[in-house]
N, C-alpha and C. Protein backbone atom coordinates (compact mmCIF):
# COMPACT_ATOMS: atom_id res chain seq x y z
N MET A 1 -4.90 -19.89 3.23
CA MET A 1 -5.13 -20.15 1.91
C MET A 1 -4.66 -18.94 1.47
N PRO A 2 -3.35 -18.60 0.89
CA PRO A 2 -3.33 -17.11 0.47
C PRO A 2 -3.64 -17.12 -0.86
N ILE A 3 -3.94 -15.81 -1.32
CA ILE A 3 -4.11 -15.46 -2.80
C ILE A 3 -3.09 -14.58 -2.97
N TYR A 4 -1.85 -14.95 -4.34
CA TYR A 4 -0.97 -13.98 -4.75
C TYR A 4 -1.53 -13.67 -5.84
N GLU A 5 -0.47 -12.37 -5.85
CA GLU A 5 -0.75 -11.64 -7.26
C GLU A 5 0.38 -11.50 -8.03
N TYR A 6 0.39 -11.67 -9.36
CA TYR A 6 1.90 -11.20 -10.35
C TYR A 6 1.22 -10.49 -11.30
N THR A 7 2.77 -9.54 -11.35
CA THR A 7 2.52 -9.08 -12.88
C THR A 7 3.22 -9.56 -14.04
N CYS A 8 2.30 -9.84 -14.93
CA CYS A 8 3.15 -10.76 -16.48
C CYS A 8 4.27 -9.09 -17.24
N GLY A 9 5.30 -10.09 -17.27
CA GLY A 9 6.37 -9.51 -17.64
C GLY A 9 6.07 -8.83 -19.09
N ASP A 10 5.26 -9.56 -19.65
CA ASP A 10 5.16 -9.10 -21.24
C ASP A 10 3.70 -8.56 -21.35
N CYS A 11 2.58 -8.74 -20.58
CA CYS A 11 1.17 -8.15 -21.18
C CYS A 11 1.43 -6.88 -19.82
N SER A 12 1.67 -7.11 -19.00
CA SER A 12 2.07 -6.30 -17.79
C SER A 12 0.56 -6.12 -16.99
N ARG A 13 -0.21 -7.02 -17.18
CA ARG A 13 -1.47 -7.40 -16.70
C ARG A 13 -1.63 -8.15 -15.53
N LEU A 14 -2.26 -7.99 -14.42
CA LEU A 14 -2.26 -8.83 -13.09
C LEU A 14 -3.33 -9.93 -12.97
N THR A 15 -2.40 -10.96 -12.46
CA THR A 15 -2.87 -11.92 -12.78
C THR A 15 -3.00 -13.03 -10.81
N SER A 16 -3.86 -13.07 -10.65
CA SER A 16 -4.24 -13.64 -9.02
C SER A 16 -4.31 -15.02 -9.33
N VAL A 17 -3.66 -15.67 -8.05
CA VAL A 17 -3.08 -16.78 -7.99
C VAL A 17 -3.57 -17.79 -6.79
N PHE A 18 -4.99 -18.38 -6.63
CA PHE A 18 -4.66 -18.90 -5.26
C PHE A 18 -4.12 -19.96 -5.02
N VAL A 19 -3.39 -20.37 -4.01
CA VAL A 19 -2.50 -21.11 -3.06
C VAL A 19 -2.81 -21.68 -1.89
N LYS A 20 -2.98 -23.14 -2.07
CA LYS A 20 -3.72 -23.67 -0.93
C LYS A 20 -2.84 -23.78 -0.26
N SER A 21 -2.03 -23.74 -0.44
CA SER A 21 -0.92 -23.39 1.14
C SER A 21 0.08 -22.73 0.95
N MET A 22 0.67 -22.37 2.54
CA MET A 22 2.10 -20.88 1.85
C MET A 22 3.37 -21.72 1.09
N ASN A 23 2.93 -22.96 1.77
CA ASN A 23 4.49 -23.80 1.31
C ASN A 23 4.37 -24.72 -0.42
N ALA A 24 3.49 -24.48 -0.75
CA ALA A 24 3.01 -25.19 -1.94
C ALA A 24 3.61 -24.74 -2.55
N THR A 25 3.98 -24.90 -3.94
CA THR A 25 4.74 -24.39 -5.46
C THR A 25 3.77 -24.36 -6.07
N SER A 26 3.26 -23.60 -7.23
CA SER A 26 2.36 -23.15 -8.47
C SER A 26 3.26 -23.14 -9.25
N LYS A 27 2.81 -23.47 -10.15
CA LYS A 27 3.25 -23.37 -11.94
C LYS A 27 2.46 -22.36 -12.56
N THR A 28 2.50 -20.52 -12.13
CA THR A 28 1.79 -19.83 -12.63
C THR A 28 2.10 -19.23 -13.87
N VAL A 29 0.58 -18.92 -14.48
CA VAL A 29 0.81 -18.34 -16.04
C VAL A 29 0.18 -17.61 -16.21
N CYS A 30 0.18 -16.54 -16.81
CA CYS A 30 -0.47 -15.03 -16.80
C CYS A 30 -2.01 -15.63 -17.57
N THR A 31 -2.58 -15.24 -16.68
CA THR A 31 -4.05 -15.43 -16.99
C THR A 31 -4.55 -15.40 -18.53
N HIS A 32 -4.20 -14.03 -19.04
CA HIS A 32 -4.36 -13.31 -20.03
C HIS A 32 -3.67 -13.53 -21.38
N CYS A 33 -2.36 -13.60 -21.05
CA CYS A 33 -1.31 -14.13 -22.70
C CYS A 33 -0.64 -15.53 -22.22
N GLY A 34 -0.85 -15.92 -21.20
CA GLY A 34 -0.18 -17.56 -21.01
C GLY A 34 1.46 -17.87 -20.73
N SER A 35 1.48 -16.25 -20.68
CA SER A 35 3.09 -16.13 -20.29
C SER A 35 3.77 -16.88 -18.62
N ARG A 36 5.06 -17.16 -18.84
CA ARG A 36 5.51 -17.57 -17.35
C ARG A 36 6.60 -16.64 -16.75
N LYS A 37 6.42 -15.38 -17.30
CA LYS A 37 7.68 -13.99 -16.93
C LYS A 37 6.39 -13.41 -15.89
N LEU A 38 6.19 -13.84 -14.88
CA LEU A 38 5.87 -13.48 -13.79
C LEU A 38 6.77 -12.49 -12.81
N SER A 39 6.11 -11.81 -12.16
CA SER A 39 7.04 -11.23 -11.00
C SER A 39 5.78 -11.02 -9.69
N ARG A 40 6.11 -11.17 -8.64
CA ARG A 40 5.15 -11.34 -7.21
C ARG A 40 5.07 -9.64 -7.45
N THR A 41 3.22 -9.14 -6.85
CA THR A 41 3.15 -7.68 -6.74
C THR A 41 2.44 -7.72 -5.28
N LEU A 42 2.67 -6.76 -4.87
CA LEU A 42 2.05 -6.18 -3.38
C LEU A 42 0.47 -6.24 -3.90
N SER A 43 -0.32 -6.68 -3.39
CA SER A 43 -1.70 -6.91 -2.91
C SER A 43 -2.32 -5.28 -2.59
N ARG A 44 -3.45 -5.53 -3.36
CA ARG A 44 -4.34 -4.21 -2.63
C ARG A 44 -5.14 -5.05 -1.48
N PHE A 45 -5.61 -4.53 -0.68
CA PHE A 45 -6.02 -4.61 0.78
C PHE A 45 -7.25 -4.44 0.90
N ALA A 46 -8.64 -5.10 0.93
CA ALA A 46 -10.13 -4.03 1.51
C ALA A 46 -10.13 -3.68 2.60
N TYR A 47 -10.80 -2.66 3.15
CA TYR A 47 -10.77 -2.64 4.47
C TYR A 47 -12.34 -1.70 4.34
N HIS A 48 -13.05 -1.66 5.13
CA HIS A 48 -14.40 -1.34 5.71
C HIS A 48 -13.96 0.13 6.08
N LYS A 49 -15.31 1.00 5.05
CA LYS A 49 -14.76 2.59 5.15
C LYS A 49 -16.21 2.46 6.67
N SER A 50 -15.28 3.60 6.97
CA SER A 50 -16.14 4.26 8.51
C SER A 50 -17.31 5.27 8.19
N GLU A 51 -18.61 5.65 8.39
CA GLU A 51 -19.44 6.61 8.29
C GLU A 51 -18.71 7.46 7.65
N GLN A 52 -17.57 8.59 8.46
CA GLN A 52 -16.75 9.69 8.32
C GLN A 52 -16.17 9.30 7.18
N ARG A 53 -15.46 8.32 6.97
CA ARG A 53 -15.02 8.16 5.54
C ARG A 53 -15.70 8.24 4.40
N VAL A 54 -17.43 7.94 4.50
CA VAL A 54 -18.01 7.86 3.58
C VAL A 54 -18.75 9.35 3.11
N LEU A 55 -18.92 10.03 4.46
CA LEU A 55 -19.31 11.66 4.44
C LEU A 55 -18.14 12.28 4.20
N GLU A 56 -16.66 12.33 3.89
CA GLU A 56 -15.97 12.94 3.74
C GLU A 56 -15.88 12.46 2.10
N LYS A 57 -15.81 11.59 1.63
CA LYS A 57 -15.72 11.53 0.13
C LYS A 57 -17.15 11.96 -0.80
N HIS A 58 -18.13 11.43 -0.08
CA HIS A 58 -19.26 11.88 -0.81
C HIS A 58 -20.05 13.04 -0.92
N GLY A 59 -19.47 13.98 0.39
CA GLY A 59 -20.59 14.79 1.13
C GLY A 59 -22.06 14.54 1.55
N ALA A 60 -22.38 15.93 1.28
CA ALA A 60 -24.05 15.57 2.03
C ALA A 60 -24.96 15.05 0.75
N GLU A 61 -24.98 15.23 -0.41
CA GLU A 61 -25.40 14.98 -1.25
C GLU A 61 -24.79 13.93 -2.28
N PRO A 62 -25.85 12.65 -2.79
CA PRO A 62 -24.95 11.70 -3.00
C PRO A 62 -24.75 12.46 -4.39
N GLN A 63 -23.64 12.37 -5.65
CA GLN A 63 -23.38 13.17 -6.89
C GLN A 63 -23.13 12.20 -8.26
N GLN A 64 -22.64 10.94 -7.58
CA GLN A 64 -23.14 9.91 -9.16
C GLN A 64 -23.92 8.83 -8.55
N LEU A 65 -23.95 8.13 -9.75
CA LEU A 65 -24.74 7.09 -9.38
C LEU A 65 -24.26 5.64 -8.56
N GLU A 66 -22.62 6.06 -8.64
CA GLU A 66 -22.03 5.08 -7.80
C GLU A 66 -22.27 5.22 -6.29
N ASP A 67 -23.13 6.82 -5.98
CA ASP A 67 -23.49 6.53 -4.42
C ASP A 67 -24.05 5.77 -4.12
N TYR A 68 -24.50 5.69 -4.79
CA TYR A 68 -26.09 4.96 -4.14
C TYR A 68 -26.19 3.81 -4.34
N LYS A 69 -24.91 3.21 -4.41
CA LYS A 69 -24.56 1.75 -3.79
C LYS A 69 -24.08 1.68 -2.32
N ASP A 70 -24.03 2.37 -1.84
CA ASP A 70 -23.97 2.66 -0.26
C ASP A 70 -25.02 2.60 0.38
N PRO A 71 -25.79 1.91 1.36
CA PRO A 71 -27.22 2.12 1.61
C PRO A 71 -26.82 3.05 2.76
N ARG A 72 -25.91 3.46 3.55
CA ARG A 72 -25.72 4.36 4.57
C ARG A 72 -26.27 5.85 3.40
N GLN A 73 -25.91 5.96 2.41
CA GLN A 73 -25.95 7.20 1.82
C GLN A 73 -27.33 7.15 1.26
N ILE A 74 -28.13 6.20 0.69
CA ILE A 74 -29.19 6.14 0.31
C ILE A 74 -30.20 6.85 1.60
N GLY A 75 -30.21 5.68 2.97
CA GLY A 75 -30.89 6.15 3.94
C GLY A 75 -30.24 7.81 4.39
N ARG A 76 -29.42 8.36 4.71
CA ARG A 76 -28.76 9.46 4.58
C ARG A 76 -29.93 10.58 3.79
N TRP A 77 -30.16 10.04 2.66
CA TRP A 77 -30.67 11.16 1.64
C TRP A 77 -31.72 10.98 1.76
N ALA A 78 -32.73 9.75 2.19
CA ALA A 78 -33.96 9.81 2.13
C ALA A 78 -34.65 10.36 3.66
N GLU A 79 -33.80 10.24 4.73
CA GLU A 79 -34.21 10.54 5.47
C GLU A 79 -33.93 12.58 5.47
N ARG A 80 -33.38 13.06 4.98
CA ARG A 80 -32.88 14.52 4.85
C ARG A 80 -33.76 14.82 4.19
N LYS A 81 -34.10 14.00 2.80
CA LYS A 81 -34.99 14.82 1.94
C LYS A 81 -36.91 14.56 2.84
N LEU A 82 -36.78 13.69 3.48
CA LEU A 82 -38.18 13.51 4.20
C LEU A 82 -38.25 14.91 4.91
N ASP A 83 -37.03 15.24 6.14
CA ASP A 83 -37.28 16.01 7.04
C ASP A 83 -37.64 17.41 6.33
N GLU A 84 -36.72 17.35 4.87
CA GLU A 84 -36.44 18.88 4.35
C GLU A 84 -38.40 19.11 4.09
N TYR A 85 -39.21 18.14 3.28
CA TYR A 85 -40.72 18.32 3.42
C TYR A 85 -41.10 18.08 4.33
N GLY A 86 -40.50 18.19 5.57
CA GLY A 86 -41.51 18.21 7.07
C GLY A 86 -42.47 16.99 6.62
N MET A 87 -42.37 15.60 5.84
CA MET A 87 -42.76 15.06 6.42
C MET A 87 -42.08 14.12 7.39
N GLU A 88 -43.40 12.75 7.80
CA GLU A 88 -42.65 11.57 8.97
C GLU A 88 -41.74 10.40 7.89
N MET A 89 -40.90 9.89 8.42
CA MET A 89 -40.38 8.84 8.19
C MET A 89 -41.55 7.52 8.38
N PRO A 90 -41.91 6.91 6.96
CA PRO A 90 -42.78 5.71 7.05
C PRO A 90 -41.93 4.51 8.02
N ASP A 91 -42.68 3.67 8.83
CA ASP A 91 -42.26 2.55 9.41
C ASP A 91 -41.41 1.51 8.80
N LYS A 92 -42.15 1.60 7.67
CA LYS A 92 -41.12 0.62 7.05
C LYS A 92 -40.32 1.03 6.20
N ALA A 93 -40.20 2.33 5.79
CA ALA A 93 -38.96 2.55 5.34
C ALA A 93 -37.81 2.84 6.33
N ARG A 94 -38.14 2.96 7.70
CA ARG A 94 -36.97 3.71 9.06
C ARG A 94 -36.60 2.05 8.92
N GLU A 95 -37.37 0.57 8.79
CA GLU A 95 -37.00 -0.35 8.83
C GLU A 95 -36.18 -1.33 8.11
N MET A 96 -36.43 -0.40 6.61
CA MET A 96 -35.29 -0.73 6.00
C MET A 96 -34.10 -0.19 5.70
N ILE A 97 -33.99 0.94 6.12
CA ILE A 97 -32.72 2.09 6.04
C ILE A 97 -31.70 1.46 7.21
N ASP A 98 -32.42 1.27 8.53
CA ASP A 98 -32.13 0.66 9.69
C ASP A 98 -31.61 -0.35 9.13
N ALA A 99 -31.50 -1.91 8.53
CA ALA A 99 -31.55 -3.03 7.79
C ALA A 99 -30.05 -2.70 7.07
N ALA A 100 -30.27 -1.53 6.01
CA ALA A 100 -29.34 -1.57 5.46
C ALA A 100 -27.82 -1.13 5.57
N ARG A 101 -28.30 0.06 7.15
CA ARG A 101 -27.26 0.02 7.72
C ARG A 101 -26.81 -1.15 8.42
N GLU A 102 -27.09 -2.19 8.63
CA GLU A 102 -26.93 -3.01 9.63
C GLU A 102 -25.91 -4.09 8.17
N GLY A 103 -25.80 -3.65 7.30
CA GLY A 103 -25.72 -4.67 5.48
C GLY A 103 -26.93 -5.61 5.48
N GLU A 104 -27.90 -5.36 5.83
CA GLU A 104 -29.15 -6.29 4.99
C GLU A 104 -29.55 -5.47 4.16
N LEU A 105 -29.36 -5.33 2.76
CA LEU A 105 -30.47 -4.78 1.81
C LEU A 105 -31.38 -5.39 1.44
N PRO A 106 -32.34 -4.40 1.15
CA PRO A 106 -34.06 -4.94 0.99
C PRO A 106 -34.04 -5.94 -0.12
N SER A 107 -35.00 -6.59 0.08
CA SER A 107 -35.42 -7.49 -1.16
C SER A 107 -35.31 -7.00 -2.81
N PRO A 108 -36.52 -6.15 -2.62
CA PRO A 108 -35.60 -5.01 -3.99
C PRO A 108 -34.26 -5.31 -4.37
N VAL A 109 -34.13 -4.40 -3.38
CA VAL A 109 -32.00 -3.86 -3.85
C VAL A 109 -31.94 -5.45 -3.94
N ASP A 110 -31.96 -6.17 -3.07
CA ASP A 110 -30.64 -7.23 -3.24
C ASP A 110 -30.89 -8.28 -4.60
N GLU A 111 -32.38 -8.01 -5.18
CA GLU A 111 -32.22 -8.61 -6.19
C GLU A 111 -31.33 -8.13 -7.30
N LEU A 112 -30.59 -6.77 -7.69
CA LEU A 112 -30.49 -6.20 -8.71
C LEU A 112 -29.22 -7.00 -8.64
């Protein structure tokens, strides 16, 4: 069940269309202006960033608010700061950081 993307010839905006099967015909219209002048567009795709790519992009310290959306970045920052202050990582914090690295956000963060 593919999702196709089209660029509108009138307003130049992108419209995504879910198609039940590759052989099905769809009557696509621009979701923004209602035009039928659509041309198929090469879709963007998502990929999982490796830890190395995250470090390359964000560096050692989070630089902006967006950086804190990556749980690996938050955990590295907390580990580094506690190490700088010569403090032991509390067991509960260690569990939360390890869980976040596996993709499981702690409930206070998940509720946001």
